[in-house]
Amino acid sequence: MATVTYVRTIKFVAEILEEDPELLQAIVSNDDNLSYGSIISVYTGDDGSVTALTDDGMDELEQMLKDARRTSQEWNDFLDSFVDDELLVARIKAKSPR
């Protein structure tokens, strides 16, 4: 494994992948969803933190989303399995092409 010299915030990853940042945050909030070491917490002080991804984490997340979108049924199942926020799931499903 190569040495990690930089990471990208979830917000920036969402911009790059053209995804909803809340969706990505919901997926990576369970660190079992990506390989160990792919998700980095950056502590900003006063109990604040920002979630960031390594290149491997971003690639893994991108592939996960691509695979989930093969069919609308797989996408809906993915959202129901990986996202606990029902309002977020409803919002994402409403924006998804049928």
PDB file of N, CA and C in Angstrom:
ATOM      1  N   MET A   1       0.854  -1.183   0.000  1.00  0.00           N
ATOM      2  CA  MET A   1       0.000   0.000   0.000  1.00  0.00           C
ATOM      3  C   MET A   1       0.891   1.234   0.000  1.00  0.00           C
ATOM      4  N   ALA A   2       0.579   2.151  -0.879  1.00  0.00           N
ATOM      5  CA  ALA A   2       1.343   3.387  -0.986  1.00  0.00           C
ATOM      6  C   ALA A   2       1.055   4.296   0.210  1.00  0.00           C
ATOM      7  N   THR A   3       2.004   5.141   0.520  1.00  0.00           N
ATOM      8  CA  THR A   3       1.832   6.112   1.585  1.00  0.00           C
ATOM      9  C   THR A   3       0.802   7.152   1.161  1.00  0.00           C
ATOM     10  N   VAL A   4      -0.131   7.451   2.042  1.00  0.00           N
ATOM     11  CA  VAL A   4      -1.153   8.458   1.770  1.00  0.00           C
ATOM     12  C   VAL A   4      -0.545   9.827   2.052  1.00  0.00           C
ATOM     13  N   THR A   5      -0.558  10.690   1.058  1.00  0.00           N
ATOM     14  CA  THR A   5      -0.008  12.032   1.234  1.00  0.00           C
ATOM     15  C   THR A   5      -1.080  13.115   1.176  1.00  0.00           C
ATOM     16  N   TYR A   6      -2.287  12.755   0.796  1.00  0.00           N
ATOM     17  CA  TYR A   6      -3.403  13.698   0.806  1.00  0.00           C
ATOM     18  C   TYR A   6      -4.705  12.913   0.831  1.00  0.00           C
ATOM     19  N   VAL A   7      -5.757  13.599   1.212  1.00  0.00           N
ATOM     20  CA  VAL A   7      -7.106  13.038   1.198  1.00  0.00           C
ATOM     21  C   VAL A   7      -8.042  14.111   0.639  1.00  0.00           C
ATOM     22  N   ARG A   8      -9.233  13.685   0.272  1.00  0.00           N
ATOM     23  CA  ARG A   8     -10.256  14.617  -0.220  1.00  0.00           C
ATOM     24  C   ARG A   8     -11.446  14.575   0.732  1.00  0.00           C
ATOM     25  N   THR A   9     -12.000  15.738   1.037  1.00  0.00           N
ATOM     26  CA  THR A   9     -13.179  15.779   1.897  1.00  0.00           C
ATOM     27  C   THR A   9     -14.369  15.157   1.174  1.00  0.00           C
ATOM     28  N   ILE A  10     -15.319  14.706   1.950  1.00  0.00           N
ATOM     29  CA  ILE A  10     -16.544  14.138   1.370  1.00  0.00           C
ATOM     30  C   ILE A  10     -17.209  15.155   0.443  1.00  0.00           C
ATOM     31  N   LYS A  11     -17.238  16.399   0.861  1.00  0.00           N
ATOM     32  CA  LYS A  11     -17.854  17.448   0.029  1.00  0.00           C
ATOM     33  C   LYS A  11     -17.159  17.530  -1.327  1.00  0.00           C
ATOM     34  N   PHE A  12     -15.832  17.491  -1.339  1.00  0.00           N
ATOM     35  CA  PHE A  12     -15.094  17.576  -2.593  1.00  0.00           C
ATOM     36  C   PHE A  12     -15.288  16.307  -3.425  1.00  0.00           C
ATOM     37  N   VAL A  13     -15.299  15.152  -2.785  1.00  0.00           N
ATOM     38  CA  VAL A  13     -15.554  13.887  -3.490  1.00  0.00           C
ATOM     39  C   VAL A  13     -16.936  13.936  -4.139  1.00  0.00           C
ATOM     40  N   ALA A  14     -17.919  14.468  -3.420  1.00  0.00           N
ATOM     41  CA  ALA A  14     -19.275  14.582  -3.968  1.00  0.00           C
ATOM     42  C   ALA A  14     -19.282  15.469  -5.213  1.00  0.00           C
ATOM     43  N   GLU A  15     -18.521  16.554  -5.191  1.00  0.00           N
ATOM     44  CA  GLU A  15     -18.425  17.425  -6.370  1.00  0.00           C
ATOM     45  C   GLU A  15     -17.795  16.675  -7.545  1.00  0.00           C
ATOM     46  N   ILE A  16     -16.711  15.971  -7.280  1.00  0.00           N
ATOM     47  CA  ILE A  16     -16.011  15.236  -8.341  1.00  0.00           C
ATOM     48  C   ILE A  16     -16.913  14.165  -8.951  1.00  0.00           C
ATOM     49  N   LEU A  17     -17.595  13.414  -8.086  1.00  0.00           N
ATOM     50  CA  LEU A  17     -18.434  12.306  -8.550  1.00  0.00           C
ATOM     51  C   LEU A  17     -19.835  12.752  -8.941  1.00  0.00           C
ATOM     52  N   GLU A  18     -20.138  14.039  -8.749  1.00  0.00           N
ATOM     53  CA  GLU A  18     -21.474  14.573  -9.015  1.00  0.00           C
ATOM     54  C   GLU A  18     -22.544  13.796  -8.247  1.00  0.00           C
ATOM     55  N   GLU A  19     -22.287  13.647  -6.952  1.00  0.00           N
ATOM     56  CA  GLU A  19     -23.186  12.928  -6.048  1.00  0.00           C
ATOM     57  C   GLU A  19     -23.625  13.856  -4.924  1.00  0.00           C
ATOM     58  N   ASP A  20     -24.663  13.468  -4.246  1.00  0.00           N
ATOM     59  CA  ASP A  20     -25.154  14.212  -3.101  1.00  0.00           C
ATOM     60  C   ASP A  20     -24.192  13.999  -1.923  1.00  0.00           C
ATOM     61  N   PRO A  21     -23.655  15.074  -1.335  1.00  0.00           N
ATOM     62  CA  PRO A  21     -22.713  14.901  -0.228  1.00  0.00           C
ATOM     63  C   PRO A  21     -23.330  14.198   0.984  1.00  0.00           C
ATOM     64  N   GLU A  22     -24.616  14.418   1.224  1.00  0.00           N
ATOM     65  CA  GLU A  22     -25.280  13.745   2.341  1.00  0.00           C
ATOM     66  C   GLU A  22     -25.362  12.236   2.104  1.00  0.00           C
ATOM     67  N   LEU A  23     -25.575  11.850   0.853  1.00  0.00           N
ATOM     68  CA  LEU A  23     -25.601  10.426   0.521  1.00  0.00           C
ATOM     69  C   LEU A  23     -24.240   9.801   0.792  1.00  0.00           C
ATOM     70  N   LEU A  24     -23.182  10.453   0.310  1.00  0.00           N
ATOM     71  CA  LEU A  24     -21.840   9.904   0.531  1.00  0.00           C
ATOM     72  C   LEU A  24     -21.508   9.843   2.013  1.00  0.00           C
ATOM     73  N   GLN A  25     -21.871  10.884   2.751  1.00  0.00           N
ATOM     74  CA  GLN A  25     -21.610  10.882   4.194  1.00  0.00           C
ATOM     75  C   GLN A  25     -22.359   9.739   4.867  1.00  0.00           C
ATOM     76  N   ALA A  26     -23.589   9.497   4.445  1.00  0.00           N
ATOM     77  CA  ALA A  26     -24.368   8.402   5.035  1.00  0.00           C
ATOM     78  C   ALA A  26     -23.710   7.049   4.752  1.00  0.00           C
ATOM     79  N   ILE A  27     -23.175   6.877   3.553  1.00  0.00           N
ATOM     80  CA  ILE A  27     -22.535   5.610   3.202  1.00  0.00           C
ATOM     81  C   ILE A  27     -21.262   5.404   4.010  1.00  0.00           C
ATOM     82  N   VAL A  28     -20.426   6.426   4.101  1.00  0.00           N
ATOM     83  CA  VAL A  28     -19.139   6.254   4.789  1.00  0.00           C
ATOM     84  C   VAL A  28     -19.250   6.395   6.302  1.00  0.00           C
ATOM     85  N   SER A  29     -20.417   6.786   6.802  1.00  0.00           N
ATOM     86  CA  SER A  29     -20.571   6.883   8.259  1.00  0.00           C
ATOM     87  C   SER A  29     -20.404   5.525   8.927  1.00  0.00           C
ATOM     88  N   ASN A  30     -20.636   4.459   8.172  1.00  0.00           N
ATOM     89  CA  ASN A  30     -20.325   3.108   8.647  1.00  0.00           C
ATOM     90  C   ASN A  30     -19.002   2.722   7.996  1.00  0.00           C
ATOM     91  N   ASP A  31     -17.940   2.738   8.776  1.00  0.00           N
ATOM     92  CA  ASP A  31     -16.609   2.512   8.189  1.00  0.00           C
ATOM     93  C   ASP A  31     -16.404   1.090   7.690  1.00  0.00           C
ATOM     94  N   ASP A  32     -17.380   0.212   7.903  1.00  0.00           N
ATOM     95  CA  ASP A  32     -17.306  -1.139   7.336  1.00  0.00           C
ATOM     96  C   ASP A  32     -17.669  -1.148   5.849  1.00  0.00           C
ATOM     97  N   ASN A  33     -18.212  -0.037   5.346  1.00  0.00           N
ATOM     98  CA  ASN A  33     -18.641   0.001   3.951  1.00  0.00           C
ATOM     99  C   ASN A  33     -17.488   0.155   2.968  1.00  0.00           C
ATOM    100  N   LEU A  34     -16.340   0.634   3.432  1.00  0.00           N
ATOM    101  CA  LEU A  34     -15.157   0.756   2.588  1.00  0.00           C
ATOM    102  C   LEU A  34     -13.988   0.070   3.292  1.00  0.00           C
ATOM    103  N   SER A  35     -12.947  -0.205   2.535  1.00  0.00           N
ATOM    104  CA  SER A  35     -11.774  -0.883   3.077  1.00  0.00           C
ATOM    105  C   SER A  35     -11.147  -0.072   4.207  1.00  0.00           C
ATOM    106  N   TYR A  36     -10.535  -0.789   5.143  1.00  0.00           N
ATOM    107  CA  TYR A  36      -9.870  -0.152   6.276  1.00  0.00           C
ATOM    108  C   TYR A  36      -8.825   0.843   5.791  1.00  0.00           C
ATOM    109  N   GLY A  37      -8.842   2.033   6.346  1.00  0.00           N
ATOM    110  CA  GLY A  37      -7.877   3.055   5.994  1.00  0.00           C
ATOM    111  C   GLY A  37      -8.306   3.961   4.862  1.00  0.00           C
ATOM    112  N   SER A  38      -9.443   3.671   4.234  1.00  0.00           N
ATOM    113  CA  SER A  38      -9.917   4.494   3.117  1.00  0.00           C
ATOM    114  C   SER A  38     -10.670   5.733   3.582  1.00  0.00           C
ATOM    115  N   ILE A  39     -11.222   5.652   4.791  1.00  0.00           N
ATOM    116  CA  ILE A  39     -11.978   6.763   5.359  1.00  0.00           C
ATOM    117  C   ILE A  39     -11.118   7.388   6.455  1.00  0.00           C
ATOM    118  N   ILE A  40     -10.925   8.699   6.370  1.00  0.00           N
ATOM    119  CA  ILE A  40     -10.085   9.422   7.320  1.00  0.00           C
ATOM    120  C   ILE A  40     -10.937  10.466   8.028  1.00  0.00           C
ATOM    121  N   SER A  41     -10.817  10.536   9.339  1.00  0.00           N
ATOM    122  CA  SER A  41     -11.459  11.605  10.094  1.00  0.00           C
ATOM    123  C   SER A  41     -10.409  12.671  10.373  1.00  0.00           C
ATOM    124  N   VAL A  42     -10.707  13.896   9.987  1.00  0.00           N
ATOM    125  CA  VAL A  42      -9.810  15.018  10.215  1.00  0.00           C
ATOM    126  C   VAL A  42     -10.436  15.861  11.323  1.00  0.00           C
ATOM    127  N   TYR A  43      -9.770  15.907  12.462  1.00  0.00           N
ATOM    128  CA  TYR A  43     -10.297  16.656  13.599  1.00  0.00           C
ATOM    129  C   TYR A  43      -9.887  18.111  13.482  1.00  0.00           C
ATOM    130  N   THR A  44     -10.884  18.987  13.591  1.00  0.00           N
ATOM    131  CA  THR A  44     -10.668  20.412  13.375  1.00  0.00           C
ATOM    132  C   THR A  44     -10.675  21.212  14.672  1.00  0.00           C
ATOM    133  N   GLY A  45     -10.769  20.547  15.799  1.00  0.00           N
ATOM    134  CA  GLY A  45     -10.797  21.214  17.095  1.00  0.00           C
ATOM    135  C   GLY A  45     -12.201  21.394  17.603  1.00  0.00           C
ATOM    136  N   ASP A  46     -12.302  21.666  18.899  1.00  0.00           N
ATOM    137  CA  ASP A  46     -13.606  21.891  19.536  1.00  0.00           C
ATOM    138  C   ASP A  46     -14.639  20.851  19.133  1.00  0.00           C
ATOM    139  N   ASP A  47     -14.252  19.598  19.182  1.00  0.00           N
ATOM    140  CA  ASP A  47     -15.136  18.467  18.874  1.00  0.00           C
ATOM    141  C   ASP A  47     -15.622  18.442  17.430  1.00  0.00           C
ATOM    142  N   GLY A  48     -15.019  19.202  16.555  1.00  0.00           N
ATOM    143  CA  GLY A  48     -15.401  19.201  15.144  1.00  0.00           C
ATOM    144  C   GLY A  48     -14.521  18.252  14.352  1.00  0.00           C
ATOM    145  N   SER A  49     -15.097  17.697  13.309  1.00  0.00           N
ATOM    146  CA  SER A  49     -14.309  16.839  12.422  1.00  0.00           C
ATOM    147  C   SER A  49     -14.911  16.866  11.022  1.00  0.00           C
ATOM    148  N   VAL A  50     -14.081  16.467  10.070  1.00  0.00           N
ATOM    149  CA  VAL A  50     -14.486  16.380   8.671  1.00  0.00           C
ATOM    150  C   VAL A  50     -14.087  14.993   8.196  1.00  0.00           C
ATOM    151  N   THR A  51     -14.958  14.360   7.436  1.00  0.00           N
ATOM    152  CA  THR A  51     -14.650  13.060   6.871  1.00  0.00           C
ATOM    153  C   THR A  51     -13.989  13.247   5.519  1.00  0.00           C
ATOM    154  N   ALA A  52     -12.951  12.462   5.279  1.00  0.00           N
ATOM    155  CA  ALA A  52     -12.224  12.545   4.017  1.00  0.00           C
ATOM    156  C   ALA A  52     -11.932  11.135   3.525  1.00  0.00           C
ATOM    157  N   LEU A  53     -11.621  11.027   2.239  1.00  0.00           N
ATOM    158  CA  LEU A  53     -11.325   9.732   1.632  1.00  0.00           C
ATOM    159  C   LEU A  53      -9.960   9.762   0.958  1.00  0.00           C
ATOM    160  N   THR A  54      -9.296   8.629   0.992  1.00  0.00           N
ATOM    161  CA  THR A  54      -8.077   8.441   0.220  1.00  0.00           C
ATOM    162  C   THR A  54      -8.475   8.200  -1.237  1.00  0.00           C
ATOM    163  N   ASP A  55      -7.493   8.158  -2.134  1.00  0.00           N
ATOM    164  CA  ASP A  55      -7.785   7.823  -3.533  1.00  0.00           C
ATOM    165  C   ASP A  55      -8.467   6.465  -3.633  1.00  0.00           C
ATOM    166  N   ASP A  56      -7.950   5.484  -2.888  1.00  0.00           N
ATOM    167  CA  ASP A  56      -8.552   4.145  -2.912  1.00  0.00           C
ATOM    168  C   ASP A  56      -9.997   4.192  -2.421  1.00  0.00           C
ATOM    169  N   GLY A  57     -10.253   4.966  -1.380  1.00  0.00           N
ATOM    170  CA  GLY A  57     -11.609   5.087  -0.856  1.00  0.00           C
ATOM    171  C   GLY A  57     -12.555   5.716  -1.849  1.00  0.00           C
ATOM    172  N   MET A  58     -12.077   6.741  -2.532  1.00  0.00           N
ATOM    173  CA  MET A  58     -12.904   7.395  -3.545  1.00  0.00           C
ATOM    174  C   MET A  58     -13.197   6.438  -4.702  1.00  0.00           C
ATOM    175  N   ASP A  59     -12.192   5.714  -5.150  1.00  0.00           N
ATOM    176  CA  ASP A  59     -12.388   4.740  -6.229  1.00  0.00           C
ATOM    177  C   ASP A  59     -13.367   3.643  -5.809  1.00  0.00           C
ATOM    178  N   GLU A  60     -13.210   3.173  -4.587  1.00  0.00           N
ATOM    179  CA  GLU A  60     -14.086   2.115  -4.080  1.00  0.00           C
ATOM    180  C   GLU A  60     -15.534   2.605  -3.979  1.00  0.00           C
ATOM    181  N   LEU A  61     -15.707   3.813  -3.477  1.00  0.00           N
ATOM    182  CA  LEU A  61     -17.047   4.398  -3.362  1.00  0.00           C
ATOM    183  C   LEU A  61     -17.663   4.606  -4.740  1.00  0.00           C
ATOM    184  N   GLU A  62     -16.878   5.111  -5.676  1.00  0.00           N
ATOM    185  CA  GLU A  62     -17.378   5.321  -7.039  1.00  0.00           C
ATOM    186  C   GLU A  62     -17.827   4.004  -7.663  1.00  0.00           C
ATOM    187  N   GLN A  63     -17.055   2.951  -7.502  1.00  0.00           N
ATOM    188  CA  GLN A  63     -17.416   1.640  -8.051  1.00  0.00           C
ATOM    189  C   GLN A  63     -18.663   1.081  -7.368  1.00  0.00           C
ATOM    190  N   MET A  64     -18.746   1.280  -6.050  1.00  0.00           N
ATOM    191  CA  MET A  64     -19.914   0.822  -5.292  1.00  0.00           C
ATOM    192  C   MET A  64     -21.185   1.474  -5.835  1.00  0.00           C
ATOM    193  N   LEU A  65     -21.131   2.767  -6.072  1.00  0.00           N
ATOM    194  CA  LEU A  65     -22.295   3.487  -6.586  1.00  0.00           C
ATOM    195  C   LEU A  65     -22.629   3.068  -8.013  1.00  0.00           C
ATOM    196  N   LYS A  66     -21.610   2.879  -8.819  1.00  0.00           N
ATOM    197  CA  LYS A  66     -21.819   2.438 -10.209  1.00  0.00           C
ATOM    198  C   LYS A  66     -22.505   1.068 -10.230  1.00  0.00           C
ATOM    199  N   ASP A  67     -22.017   0.139  -9.422  1.00  0.00           N
ATOM    200  CA  ASP A  67     -22.611  -1.193  -9.357  1.00  0.00           C
ATOM    201  C   ASP A  67     -24.051  -1.140  -8.851  1.00  0.00           C
ATOM    202  N   ALA A  68     -24.314  -0.277  -7.880  1.00  0.00           N
ATOM    203  CA  ALA A  68     -25.658  -0.173  -7.310  1.00  0.00           C
ATOM    204  C   ALA A  68     -26.664   0.374  -8.309  1.00  0.00           C
ATOM    205  N   ARG A  69     -26.189   1.139  -9.264  1.00  0.00           N
ATOM    206  CA  ARG A  69     -27.089   1.776 -10.233  1.00  0.00           C
ATOM    207  C   ARG A  69     -27.335   0.940 -11.485  1.00  0.00           C
ATOM    208  N   ARG A  70     -26.961  -0.317 -11.479  1.00  0.00           N
ATOM    209  CA  ARG A  70     -27.186  -1.155 -12.675  1.00  0.00           C
ATOM    210  C   ARG A  70     -28.657  -1.227 -13.036  1.00  0.00           C
ATOM    211  N   THR A  71     -29.512  -1.333 -12.034  1.00  0.00           N
ATOM    212  CA  THR A  71     -30.956  -1.320 -12.262  1.00  0.00           C
ATOM    213  C   THR A  71     -31.597  -0.457 -11.188  1.00  0.00           C
ATOM    214  N   SER A  72     -32.797   0.000 -11.442  1.00  0.00           N
ATOM    215  CA  SER A  72     -33.478   0.826 -10.440  1.00  0.00           C
ATOM    216  C   SER A  72     -33.775   0.012  -9.183  1.00  0.00           C
ATOM    217  N   GLN A  73     -34.054  -1.275  -9.339  1.00  0.00           N
ATOM    218  CA  GLN A  73     -34.310  -2.121  -8.169  1.00  0.00           C
ATOM    219  C   GLN A  73     -33.045  -2.249  -7.304  1.00  0.00           C
ATOM    220  N   GLU A  74     -31.892  -2.469  -7.949  1.00  0.00           N
ATOM    221  CA  GLU A  74     -30.637  -2.562  -7.197  1.00  0.00           C
ATOM    222  C   GLU A  74     -30.328  -1.241  -6.494  1.00  0.00           C
ATOM    223  N   TRP A  75     -30.603  -0.123  -7.161  1.00  0.00           N
ATOM    224  CA  TRP A  75     -30.360   1.187  -6.576  1.00  0.00           C
ATOM    225  C   TRP A  75     -31.244   1.395  -5.347  1.00  0.00           C
ATOM    226  N   ASN A  76     -32.521   1.065  -5.466  1.00  0.00           N
ATOM    227  CA  ASN A  76     -33.434   1.207  -4.334  1.00  0.00           C
ATOM    228  C   ASN A  76     -33.023   0.295  -3.179  1.00  0.00           C
ATOM    229  N   ASP A  77     -32.635  -0.929  -3.485  1.00  0.00           N
ATOM    230  CA  ASP A  77     -32.170  -1.857  -2.445  1.00  0.00           C
ATOM    231  C   ASP A  77     -30.912  -1.325  -1.774  1.00  0.00           C
ATOM    232  N   PHE A  78     -29.995  -0.781  -2.581  1.00  0.00           N
ATOM    233  CA  PHE A  78     -28.761  -0.206  -2.051  1.00  0.00           C
ATOM    234  C   PHE A  78     -29.076   0.922  -1.077  1.00  0.00           C
ATOM    235  N   LEU A  79     -29.923   1.850  -1.495  1.00  0.00           N
ATOM    236  CA  LEU A  79     -30.273   2.980  -0.628  1.00  0.00           C
ATOM    237  C   LEU A  79     -30.914   2.502   0.668  1.00  0.00           C
ATOM    238  N   ASP A  80     -31.825   1.543   0.566  1.00  0.00           N
ATOM    239  CA  ASP A  80     -32.485   1.028   1.756  1.00  0.00           C
ATOM    240  C   ASP A  80     -31.508   0.322   2.695  1.00  0.00           C
ATOM    241  N   SER A  81     -30.460  -0.271   2.148  1.00  0.00           N
ATOM    242  CA  SER A  81     -29.487  -1.008   2.959  1.00  0.00           C
ATOM    243  C   SER A  81     -28.399  -0.112   3.557  1.00  0.00           C
ATOM    244  N   PHE A  82     -27.974   0.905   2.835  1.00  0.00           N
ATOM    245  CA  PHE A  82     -26.807   1.684   3.237  1.00  0.00           C
ATOM    246  C   PHE A  82     -27.117   3.029   3.870  1.00  0.00           C
ATOM    247  N   VAL A  83     -28.361   3.497   3.756  1.00  0.00           N
ATOM    248  CA  VAL A  83     -28.705   4.819   4.267  1.00  0.00           C
ATOM    249  C   VAL A  83     -29.838   4.692   5.274  1.00  0.00           C
ATOM    250  N   ASP A  84     -29.569   5.125   6.517  1.00  0.00           N
ATOM    251  CA  ASP A  84     -30.563   5.006   7.586  1.00  0.00           C
ATOM    252  C   ASP A  84     -31.569   6.154   7.614  1.00  0.00           C
ATOM    253  N   ASP A  85     -31.250   7.266   7.007  1.00  0.00           N
ATOM    254  CA  ASP A  85     -32.093   8.456   7.029  1.00  0.00           C
ATOM    255  C   ASP A  85     -33.195   8.322   5.972  1.00  0.00           C
ATOM    256  N   GLU A  86     -34.425   8.078   6.421  1.00  0.00           N
ATOM    257  CA  GLU A  86     -35.536   7.845   5.500  1.00  0.00           C
ATOM    258  C   GLU A  86     -35.831   9.054   4.612  1.00  0.00           C
ATOM    259  N   LEU A  87     -35.696  10.263   5.157  1.00  0.00           N
ATOM    260  CA  LEU A  87     -35.938  11.460   4.357  1.00  0.00           C
ATOM    261  C   LEU A  87     -34.886  11.614   3.266  1.00  0.00           C
ATOM    262  N   LEU A  88     -33.640  11.303   3.589  1.00  0.00           N
ATOM    263  CA  LEU A  88     -32.574  11.356   2.587  1.00  0.00           C
ATOM    264  C   LEU A  88     -32.818  10.319   1.501  1.00  0.00           C
ATOM    265  N   VAL A  89     -33.195   9.113   1.887  1.00  0.00           N
ATOM    266  CA  VAL A  89     -33.492   8.054   0.907  1.00  0.00           C
ATOM    267  C   VAL A  89     -34.620   8.495  -0.009  1.00  0.00           C
ATOM    268  N   ALA A  90     -35.674   9.061   0.545  1.00  0.00           N
ATOM    269  CA  ALA A  90     -36.810   9.511  -0.264  1.00  0.00           C
ATOM    270  C   ALA A  90     -36.381  10.612  -1.235  1.00  0.00           C
ATOM    271  N   ARG A  91     -35.545  11.541  -0.765  1.00  0.00           N
ATOM    272  CA  ARG A  91     -35.070  12.640  -1.621  1.00  0.00           C
ATOM    273  C   ARG A  91     -34.207  12.099  -2.757  1.00  0.00           C
ATOM    274  N   ILE A  92     -33.311  11.159  -2.453  1.00  0.00           N
ATOM    275  CA  ILE A  92     -32.428  10.585  -3.468  1.00  0.00           C
ATOM    276  C   ILE A  92     -33.245   9.777  -4.477  1.00  0.00           C
ATOM    277  N   LYS A  93     -34.185   8.994  -3.991  1.00  0.00           N
ATOM    278  CA  LYS A  93     -35.023   8.191  -4.897  1.00  0.00           C
ATOM    279  C   LYS A  93     -35.854   9.098  -5.811  1.00  0.00           C
ATOM    280  N   ALA A  94     -36.329  10.225  -5.298  1.00  0.00           N
ATOM    281  CA  ALA A  94     -37.134  11.140  -6.099  1.00  0.00           C
ATOM    282  C   ALA A  94     -36.306  11.761  -7.226  1.00  0.00           C
ATOM    283  N   LYS A  95     -34.999  11.940  -6.996  1.00  0.00           N
ATOM    284  CA  LYS A  95     -34.127  12.525  -8.018  1.00  0.00           C
ATOM    285  C   LYS A  95     -33.598  11.492  -8.987  1.00  0.00           C
ATOM    286  N   SER A  96     -33.718  10.210  -8.649  1.00  0.00           N
ATOM    287  CA  SER A  96     -33.179   9.148  -9.496  1.00  0.00           C
ATOM    288  C   SER A  96     -34.040   8.925 -10.725  1.00  0.00           C
ATOM    289  N   PRO A  97     -33.394   8.758 -11.882  1.00  0.00           N
ATOM    290  CA  PRO A  97     -34.177   8.432 -13.089  1.00  0.00           C
ATOM    291  C   PRO A  97     -34.824   7.061 -12.939  1.00  0.00           C
ATOM    292  N   ARG A  98     -35.964   6.907 -13.442  1.00  0.00           N
ATOM    293  CA  ARG A  98     -36.703   5.637 -13.320  1.00  0.00           C
ATOM    294  C   ARG A  98     -36.239   4.651 -14.350  1.00  0.00           C
TER     295      ARG A  98
END
